C-alpha atoms as a PDB file:
ATOM      1  CA  MET A   1      51.785  73.807 -62.214  1.00  0.00           C
ATOM      2  CA  ILE A   2      55.448  72.658 -61.524  1.00  0.00           C
ATOM      3  CA  GLU A   3      58.926  74.168 -63.053  1.00  0.00           C
ATOM      4  CA  ILE A   4      61.858  71.757 -62.976  1.00  0.00           C
ATOM      5  CA  LYS A   5      65.539  72.606 -62.876  1.00  0.00           C
ATOM      6  CA  ASP A   6      68.043  70.596 -62.931  1.00  0.00           C
ATOM      7  CA  GLN A   7      70.743  72.120 -61.109  1.00  0.00           C
ATOM      8  CA  GLY A   8      73.455  69.889 -61.197  1.00  0.00           C
ATOM      9  CA  ASN A   9      74.743  67.802 -59.040  1.00  0.00           C
ATOM     10  CA  GLY A  10      71.501  65.211 -58.853  1.00  0.00           C
ATOM     11  CA  VAL A  11      69.858  67.523 -57.780  1.00  0.00           C
ATOM     12  CA  PHE A  12      66.961  69.624 -58.735  1.00  0.00           C
ATOM     13  CA  ILE A  13      64.687  72.357 -58.520  1.00  0.00           C
ATOM     14  CA  ILE A  14      60.809  72.219 -58.217  1.00  0.00           C
ATOM     15  CA  HIS A  15      58.630  75.307 -57.909  1.00  0.00           C
ATOM     16  CA  ILE A  16      55.478  74.589 -57.487  1.00  0.00           C
ATOM     17  CA  LYS A  17      53.114  77.379 -59.392  1.00  0.00           C
ATOM     18  CA  MET A  18      50.111  77.469 -57.428  1.00  0.00           C
ATOM     19  CA  SER A  19      49.309  79.374 -55.357  1.00  0.00           C
ATOM     20  CA  GLU A  20      47.622  76.683 -53.100  1.00  0.00           C
ATOM     21  CA  VAL A  21      47.592  72.885 -52.328  1.00  0.00           C
ATOM     22  CA  HIS A  22      44.709  72.021 -51.849  1.00  0.00           C
ATOM     23  CA  THR A  23      42.844  68.843 -51.524  1.00  0.00           C
ATOM     24  CA  LEU A  24      41.029  69.142 -55.125  1.00  0.00           C
ATOM     25  CA  ASP A  25      44.598  69.652 -57.037  1.00  0.00           C
ATOM     26  CA  VAL A  26      46.683  67.445 -54.854  1.00  0.00           C
ATOM     27  CA  PRO A  27      45.799  63.940 -57.379  1.00  0.00           C
ATOM     28  CA  GLU A  28      47.238  65.909 -60.357  1.00  0.00           C
ATOM     29  CA  LEU A  29      50.459  68.066 -58.452  1.00  0.00           C
ATOM     30  CA  LYS A  30      51.812  64.034 -57.229  1.00  0.00           C
ATOM     31  CA  GLU A  31      51.070  62.402 -59.973  1.00  0.00           C
ATOM     32  CA  LYS A  32      53.524  65.090 -61.341  1.00  0.00           C
ATOM     33  CA  LEU A  33      56.215  65.374 -58.887  1.00  0.00           C
ATOM     34  CA  GLN A  34      56.102  61.525 -58.622  1.00  0.00           C
ATOM     35  CA  LYS A  35      56.917  61.233 -62.866  1.00  0.00           C
ATOM     36  CA  ALA A  36      59.249  63.901 -62.829  1.00  0.00           C
ATOM     37  CA  ILE A  37      61.312  61.899 -59.968  1.00  0.00           C
ATOM     38  CA  ILE A  38      60.812  58.955 -62.303  1.00  0.00           C
ATOM     39  CA  ASP A  39      61.621  60.405 -65.571  1.00  0.00           C
ATOM     40  CA  LYS A  40      64.864  62.596 -64.396  1.00  0.00           C
ATOM     41  CA  GLY A  41      66.504  59.952 -61.804  1.00  0.00           C
ATOM     42  CA  ILE A  42      65.878  62.515 -58.923  1.00  0.00           C
ATOM     43  CA  LYS A  43      67.261  61.484 -55.585  1.00  0.00           C
ATOM     44  CA  LYS A  44      68.007  64.570 -53.813  1.00  0.00           C
ATOM     45  CA  LEU A  45      65.086  67.347 -54.427  1.00  0.00           C
ATOM     46  CA  VAL A  46      64.051  70.707 -53.501  1.00  0.00           C
ATOM     47  CA  LEU A  47      60.202  72.153 -53.492  1.00  0.00           C
ATOM     48  CA  ASP A  48      60.230  75.650 -54.243  1.00  0.00           C
ATOM     49  CA  LEU A  49      56.989  76.442 -52.132  1.00  0.00           C
ATOM     50  CA  SER A  50      56.875  80.319 -52.266  1.00  0.00           C
ATOM     51  CA  GLU A  51      54.014  80.797 -54.765  1.00  0.00           C
ATOM     52  CA  VAL A  52      52.007  78.793 -52.354  1.00  0.00           C
ATOM     53  CA  LYS A  53      50.095  80.899 -49.849  1.00  0.00           C
ATOM     54  CA  MET A  54      47.532  77.944 -49.030  1.00  0.00           C
ATOM     55  CA  ILE A  55      48.094  73.792 -47.886  1.00  0.00           C
ATOM     56  CA  THR A  56      46.188  71.101 -46.811  1.00  0.00           C
ATOM     57  CA  SER A  57      46.715  67.910 -44.846  1.00  0.00           C
ATOM     58  CA  SER A  58      46.622  66.111 -48.927  1.00  0.00           C
ATOM     59  CA  GLY A  59      49.326  69.176 -49.441  1.00  0.00           C
ATOM     60  CA  ILE A  60      51.103  67.755 -46.536  1.00  0.00           C
ATOM     61  CA  GLY A  61      51.582  65.106 -47.596  1.00  0.00           C
ATOM     62  CA  ILE A  62      52.732  64.364 -50.904  1.00  0.00           C
ATOM     63  CA  PHE A  63      55.719  65.949 -49.481  1.00  0.00           C
ATOM     64  CA  LEU A  64      55.714  63.055 -46.953  1.00  0.00           C
ATOM     65  CA  ASN A  65      54.860  60.741 -49.686  1.00  0.00           C
ATOM     66  CA  ILE A  66      57.968  62.145 -52.031  1.00  0.00           C
ATOM     67  CA  ASN A  67      60.499  62.924 -48.657  1.00  0.00           C
ATOM     68  CA  GLN A  68      59.465  58.423 -47.793  1.00  0.00           C
ATOM     69  CA  SER A  69      60.338  57.904 -51.809  1.00  0.00           C
ATOM     70  CA  LEU A  70      63.620  60.228 -51.581  1.00  0.00           C
ATOM     71  CA  LYS A  71      64.577  58.400 -48.415  1.00  0.00           C
ATOM     72  CA  SER A  72      64.772  61.969 -47.004  1.00  0.00           C
ATOM     73  CA  GLY A  73      66.038  63.478 -50.028  1.00  0.00           C
ATOM     74  CA  LEU A  74      63.443  66.014 -50.256  1.00  0.00           C
ATOM     75  CA  ARG A  75      64.373  69.696 -48.796  1.00  0.00           C
ATOM     76  CA  LEU A  76      61.434  72.647 -48.577  1.00  0.00           C
ATOM     77  CA  ALA A  77      62.183  76.267 -49.777  1.00  0.00           C
ATOM     78  CA  SER A  78      61.104  79.958 -49.079  1.00  0.00           C
ATOM     79  CA  PRO A  79      57.754  79.025 -47.517  1.00  0.00           C
ATOM     80  CA  ASN A  80      55.580  82.055 -46.373  1.00  0.00           C
ATOM     81  CA  ALA A  81      54.781  82.464 -43.086  1.00  0.00           C
ATOM     82  CA  GLU A  82      51.720  80.680 -43.011  1.00  0.00           C
ATOM     83  CA  VAL A  83      52.227  77.705 -44.974  1.00  0.00           C
ATOM     84  CA  GLN A  84      55.478  77.653 -42.050  1.00  0.00           C
ATOM     85  CA  LYS A  85      53.029  77.482 -39.753  1.00  0.00           C
ATOM     86  CA  VAL A  86      51.140  74.329 -41.023  1.00  0.00           C
ATOM     87  CA  LEU A  87      54.146  72.604 -41.367  1.00  0.00           C
ATOM     88  CA  GLU A  88      55.815  72.828 -37.739  1.00  0.00           C
ATOM     89  CA  LEU A  89      51.748  72.201 -36.330  1.00  0.00           C
ATOM     90  CA  THR A  90      51.229  69.248 -38.816  1.00  0.00           C
ATOM     91  CA  LYS A  91      55.063  68.364 -37.331  1.00  0.00           C
ATOM     92  CA  VAL A  92      56.434  68.015 -40.645  1.00  0.00           C
ATOM     93  CA  SER A  93      58.934  70.768 -39.597  1.00  0.00           C
ATOM     94  CA  SER A  94      60.806  67.196 -38.017  1.00  0.00           C
ATOM     95  CA  VAL A  95      60.238  64.682 -40.537  1.00  0.00           C
ATOM     96  CA  ILE A  96      61.065  67.072 -43.484  1.00  0.00           C
ATOM     97  CA  LYS A  97      64.040  69.674 -43.755  1.00  0.00           C
ATOM     98  CA  ILE A  98      62.150  73.294 -44.422  1.00  0.00           C
ATOM     99  CA  PHE A  99      64.914  75.984 -45.584  1.00  0.00           C
ATOM    100  CA  ASP A 100      64.210  80.143 -45.812  1.00  0.00           C
ATOM    101  CA  THR A 101      65.936  80.252 -48.954  1.00  0.00           C
ATOM    102  CA  VAL A 102      66.245  77.616 -52.676  1.00  0.00           C
ATOM    103  CA  ASP A 103      70.004  78.873 -52.208  1.00  0.00           C
ATOM    104  CA  ALA A 104      69.558  76.693 -48.424  1.00  0.00           C
ATOM    105  CA  ALA A 105      68.726  73.740 -49.227  1.00  0.00           C
ATOM    106  CA  ILE A 106      71.025  72.972 -52.476  1.00  0.00           C
ATOM    107  CA  LYS A 107      74.199  73.857 -49.630  1.00  0.00           C
ATOM    108  CA  SER A 108      72.322  71.214 -47.190  1.00  0.00           C
ATOM    109  CA  PHE A 109      72.866  68.549 -49.655  1.00  0.00           C
END
């Protein structure tokens, strides 16, 4: 479901290994993300969305919640065109920084 990489300098990448982030998966995904953040003491996080093909509002809610708990230390990276459109329509892009690549997101810190 998720793959965690420590990039050093306090930056972590979490690759979401799901094609759809929808209501049924949200509780488990949220729990895994929150556990990783707490266990590893994550303050700066890049969520790699390259494998996510579809996302629902409840999935977006996870991102907003994490961004708030990390005091805006969250970056979203590599969304496909469909996910990018949803993030823009829901105004997530005005709250969370979104980047075309994981590298660009890392460099933004």
